[in-house]
Amino acid sequence: MAHAKQALAHAKQNLTLVVEEDLVLAARKVALDQGTSVNQLVRNFLATLVEESSRRRMARTRLKAAFAQGLIEIGERTWTRDDLYER
């Protein structure tokens, strides 16, 4: 059963894109310079896009939790405004 779940997690699906010819040619040059394929460039871009979105979502969740708990402990105020701005 676990093997079947792993196989599904790594299954690949074809994706058809409509892209301007000059963009495809430029992407091919970039891929050639990087020793990879346009397909791999697109996969890397999508993986990065999803990962960044996930990291932002997790960061927002942690930040909300920190605000709910209180980021700092505030003690009793023992000073006055005049103490801060002695003239």
N, C-alpha and C. Protein backbone atom coordinates (compact mmCIF):
# COMPACT_ATOMS: atom_id res chain seq x y z
N MET A 1 0.82 -1.20 0.00
CA MET A 1 0.00 0.00 0.00
C MET A 1 0.87 1.26 0.00
N ALA A 2 1.90 1.28 0.86
CA ALA A 2 2.78 2.45 0.92
C ALA A 2 3.50 2.66 -0.41
N HIS A 3 3.86 1.56 -1.07
CA HIS A 3 4.53 1.65 -2.37
C HIS A 3 3.62 2.29 -3.40
N ALA A 4 2.33 1.96 -3.37
CA ALA A 4 1.37 2.54 -4.31
C ALA A 4 1.24 4.04 -4.08
N LYS A 5 1.23 4.48 -2.82
CA LYS A 5 1.15 5.91 -2.52
C LYS A 5 2.39 6.64 -3.01
N GLN A 6 3.56 6.01 -2.85
CA GLN A 6 4.80 6.62 -3.34
C GLN A 6 4.77 6.76 -4.85
N ALA A 7 4.27 5.73 -5.53
CA ALA A 7 4.20 5.76 -6.98
C ALA A 7 3.29 6.89 -7.44
N LEU A 8 2.17 7.08 -6.76
CA LEU A 8 1.26 8.16 -7.12
C LEU A 8 1.88 9.52 -6.85
N ALA A 9 2.63 9.63 -5.78
CA ALA A 9 3.27 10.90 -5.44
C ALA A 9 4.30 11.31 -6.49
N HIS A 10 4.91 10.35 -7.16
CA HIS A 10 5.94 10.65 -8.15
C HIS A 10 5.45 10.50 -9.58
N ALA A 11 4.16 10.23 -9.77
CA ALA A 11 3.62 10.11 -11.12
C ALA A 11 3.74 11.46 -11.83
N LYS A 12 4.05 11.42 -13.09
CA LYS A 12 4.19 12.65 -13.86
C LYS A 12 3.01 12.78 -14.80
N GLN A 13 2.65 14.02 -15.07
CA GLN A 13 1.53 14.29 -15.95
C GLN A 13 1.99 15.27 -17.02
N ASN A 14 1.56 15.04 -18.23
CA ASN A 14 1.91 15.95 -19.32
C ASN A 14 1.14 17.26 -19.17
N LEU A 15 1.77 18.33 -19.61
CA LEU A 15 1.18 19.65 -19.56
C LEU A 15 1.46 20.33 -20.89
N THR A 16 0.42 20.86 -21.50
CA THR A 16 0.58 21.55 -22.78
C THR A 16 0.49 23.04 -22.53
N LEU A 17 1.48 23.76 -23.01
CA LEU A 17 1.51 25.21 -22.86
C LEU A 17 1.51 25.87 -24.23
N VAL A 18 0.91 27.03 -24.31
CA VAL A 18 0.98 27.83 -25.53
C VAL A 18 1.86 29.03 -25.18
N VAL A 19 3.02 29.09 -25.83
CA VAL A 19 4.02 30.10 -25.52
C VAL A 19 4.53 30.70 -26.83
N GLU A 20 4.83 31.99 -26.79
CA GLU A 20 5.35 32.66 -27.97
C GLU A 20 6.66 31.99 -28.41
N GLU A 21 6.86 31.94 -29.72
CA GLU A 21 8.02 31.26 -30.29
C GLU A 21 9.34 31.86 -29.79
N ASP A 22 9.41 33.19 -29.73
CA ASP A 22 10.67 33.80 -29.30
C ASP A 22 10.98 33.46 -27.84
N LEU A 23 9.95 33.29 -27.02
CA LEU A 23 10.17 32.89 -25.63
C LEU A 23 10.69 31.46 -25.55
N VAL A 24 10.14 30.59 -26.38
CA VAL A 24 10.61 29.19 -26.41
C VAL A 24 12.06 29.14 -26.86
N LEU A 25 12.40 29.90 -27.88
CA LEU A 25 13.78 29.91 -28.37
C LEU A 25 14.74 30.43 -27.30
N ALA A 26 14.34 31.49 -26.61
CA ALA A 26 15.18 32.04 -25.54
C ALA A 26 15.30 31.02 -24.40
N ALA A 27 14.22 30.33 -24.08
CA ALA A 27 14.25 29.32 -23.02
C ALA A 27 15.16 28.16 -23.42
N ARG A 28 15.15 27.79 -24.68
CA ARG A 28 16.05 26.72 -25.15
C ARG A 28 17.51 27.12 -24.98
N LYS A 29 17.80 28.39 -25.26
CA LYS A 29 19.18 28.87 -25.08
C LYS A 29 19.58 28.82 -23.61
N VAL A 30 18.68 29.25 -22.74
CA VAL A 30 18.97 29.20 -21.31
C VAL A 30 19.19 27.76 -20.88
N ALA A 31 18.31 26.87 -21.32
CA ALA A 31 18.44 25.45 -20.96
C ALA A 31 19.76 24.88 -21.45
N LEU A 32 20.14 25.21 -22.66
CA LEU A 32 21.40 24.74 -23.22
C LEU A 32 22.58 25.25 -22.38
N ASP A 33 22.53 26.53 -22.03
CA ASP A 33 23.59 27.12 -21.19
C ASP A 33 23.69 26.42 -19.84
N GLN A 34 22.55 25.98 -19.32
CA GLN A 34 22.51 25.34 -18.00
C GLN A 34 22.64 23.82 -18.08
N GLY A 35 22.76 23.30 -19.29
CA GLY A 35 22.91 21.86 -19.47
C GLY A 35 21.67 21.08 -19.06
N THR A 36 20.51 21.63 -19.35
CA THR A 36 19.24 20.98 -19.00
C THR A 36 18.26 21.15 -20.14
N SER A 37 17.02 20.87 -19.89
CA SER A 37 15.98 21.00 -20.92
C SER A 37 14.98 22.07 -20.51
N VAL A 38 14.23 22.55 -21.48
CA VAL A 38 13.16 23.51 -21.19
C VAL A 38 12.15 22.85 -20.25
N ASN A 39 11.89 21.59 -20.48
CA ASN A 39 10.97 20.84 -19.63
C ASN A 39 11.43 20.90 -18.17
N GLN A 40 12.72 20.66 -17.95
CA GLN A 40 13.25 20.69 -16.58
C GLN A 40 13.20 22.11 -16.01
N LEU A 41 13.46 23.12 -16.83
CA LEU A 41 13.36 24.50 -16.37
C LEU A 41 11.94 24.80 -15.88
N VAL A 42 10.95 24.36 -16.63
CA VAL A 42 9.55 24.58 -16.26
C VAL A 42 9.22 23.83 -14.97
N ARG A 43 9.67 22.57 -14.87
CA ARG A 43 9.43 21.79 -13.64
C ARG A 43 10.06 22.48 -12.44
N ASN A 44 11.30 22.95 -12.61
CA ASN A 44 11.98 23.64 -11.50
C ASN A 44 11.24 24.92 -11.11
N PHE A 45 10.79 25.66 -12.11
CA PHE A 45 10.06 26.90 -11.84
C PHE A 45 8.78 26.61 -11.06
N LEU A 46 8.02 25.61 -11.50
CA LEU A 46 6.76 25.28 -10.83
C LEU A 46 7.01 24.78 -9.41
N ALA A 47 8.03 23.97 -9.23
CA ALA A 47 8.36 23.45 -7.89
C ALA A 47 8.74 24.60 -6.97
N THR A 48 9.54 25.54 -7.47
CA THR A 48 9.94 26.70 -6.67
C THR A 48 8.74 27.57 -6.34
N LEU A 49 7.87 27.78 -7.30
CA LEU A 49 6.67 28.58 -7.09
C LEU A 49 5.80 27.98 -5.98
N VAL A 50 5.59 26.69 -6.03
CA VAL A 50 4.77 26.01 -5.03
C VAL A 50 5.45 26.03 -3.67
N GLU A 51 6.76 25.78 -3.65
CA GLU A 51 7.51 25.75 -2.39
C GLU A 51 7.50 27.12 -1.71
N GLU A 52 7.70 28.18 -2.48
CA GLU A 52 7.70 29.53 -1.90
C GLU A 52 6.33 29.88 -1.34
N SER A 53 5.29 29.51 -2.06
CA SER A 53 3.93 29.77 -1.60
C SER A 53 3.67 29.03 -0.30
N SER A 54 4.12 27.79 -0.23
CA SER A 54 3.95 26.99 0.97
C SER A 54 4.73 27.58 2.14
N ARG A 55 5.96 28.02 1.88
CA ARG A 55 6.78 28.63 2.95
C ARG A 55 6.13 29.91 3.46
N ARG A 56 5.60 30.72 2.54
CA ARG A 56 4.93 31.96 2.96
C ARG A 56 3.71 31.65 3.82
N ARG A 57 2.93 30.65 3.39
CA ARG A 57 1.74 30.26 4.14
C ARG A 57 2.13 29.79 5.55
N MET A 58 3.19 28.97 5.64
CA MET A 58 3.64 28.49 6.94
C MET A 58 4.16 29.64 7.80
N ALA A 59 4.87 30.58 7.19
CA ALA A 59 5.40 31.73 7.92
C ALA A 59 4.25 32.58 8.46
N ARG A 60 3.22 32.80 7.64
CA ARG A 60 2.07 33.57 8.10
C ARG A 60 1.39 32.88 9.27
N THR A 61 1.26 31.56 9.19
CA THR A 61 0.64 30.80 10.28
C THR A 61 1.45 30.94 11.56
N ARG A 62 2.78 30.81 11.45
CA ARG A 62 3.63 30.95 12.64
C ARG A 62 3.58 32.37 13.20
N LEU A 63 3.54 33.36 12.31
CA LEU A 63 3.47 34.75 12.75
C LEU A 63 2.16 35.04 13.46
N LYS A 64 1.05 34.54 12.92
CA LYS A 64 -0.25 34.73 13.57
C LYS A 64 -0.25 34.08 14.95
N ALA A 65 0.33 32.90 15.05
CA ALA A 65 0.40 32.21 16.35
C ALA A 65 1.26 33.01 17.32
N ALA A 66 2.36 33.56 16.84
CA ALA A 66 3.24 34.35 17.70
C ALA A 66 2.51 35.60 18.19
N PHE A 67 1.76 36.25 17.31
CA PHE A 67 1.00 37.43 17.72
C PHE A 67 -0.08 37.06 18.73
N ALA A 68 -0.71 35.91 18.52
CA ALA A 68 -1.75 35.47 19.44
C ALA A 68 -1.17 35.19 20.82
N GLN A 69 0.03 34.62 20.87
CA GLN A 69 0.68 34.31 22.14
C GLN A 69 1.32 35.54 22.75
N GLY A 70 1.69 36.45 21.92
CA GLY A 70 2.41 37.64 22.39
C GLY A 70 3.88 37.45 22.07
N LEU A 71 4.43 38.34 21.30
CA LEU A 71 5.82 38.23 20.90
C LEU A 71 6.78 38.56 22.04
N ILE A 72 6.37 39.51 22.85
CA ILE A 72 7.22 39.92 23.97
C ILE A 72 6.36 40.05 25.22
N GLU A 73 7.01 39.97 26.32
CA GLU A 73 6.32 40.16 27.58
C GLU A 73 6.52 41.60 27.99
N ILE A 74 5.42 42.26 28.24
CA ILE A 74 5.49 43.67 28.60
C ILE A 74 5.22 43.80 30.08
N GLY A 75 6.18 44.38 30.77
CA GLY A 75 6.03 44.59 32.20
C GLY A 75 5.33 45.90 32.49
N GLU A 76 5.28 46.22 33.75
CA GLU A 76 4.65 47.47 34.16
C GLU A 76 5.52 48.64 33.73
N ARG A 77 4.89 49.70 33.27
CA ARG A 77 5.62 50.88 32.84
C ARG A 77 6.06 51.66 34.07
N THR A 78 7.36 51.85 34.19
CA THR A 78 7.91 52.55 35.36
C THR A 78 8.52 53.89 34.97
N TRP A 79 8.28 54.34 33.77
CA TRP A 79 8.86 55.58 33.31
C TRP A 79 7.76 56.50 32.82
N THR A 80 8.11 57.75 32.68
CA THR A 80 7.17 58.73 32.13
C THR A 80 7.76 59.27 30.84
N ARG A 81 6.96 59.95 30.11
CA ARG A 81 7.44 60.56 28.86
C ARG A 81 8.57 61.55 29.17
N ASP A 82 8.42 62.29 30.24
CA ASP A 82 9.45 63.25 30.62
C ASP A 82 10.78 62.56 30.92
N ASP A 83 10.74 61.34 31.51
CA ASP A 83 11.95 60.58 31.78
C ASP A 83 12.69 60.28 30.47
N LEU A 84 11.93 60.00 29.43
CA LEU A 84 12.54 59.66 28.15
C LEU A 84 13.14 60.87 27.46
N TYR A 85 12.53 62.00 27.67
CA TYR A 85 12.95 63.21 26.97
C TYR A 85 13.42 64.27 27.96
N GLU A 86 14.36 63.89 28.81
CA GLU A 86 14.88 64.87 29.76
C GLU A 86 15.55 66.00 28.99
N ARG A 87 15.28 67.19 29.42
CA ARG A 87 15.82 68.36 28.72
C ARG A 87 16.82 69.06 29.56
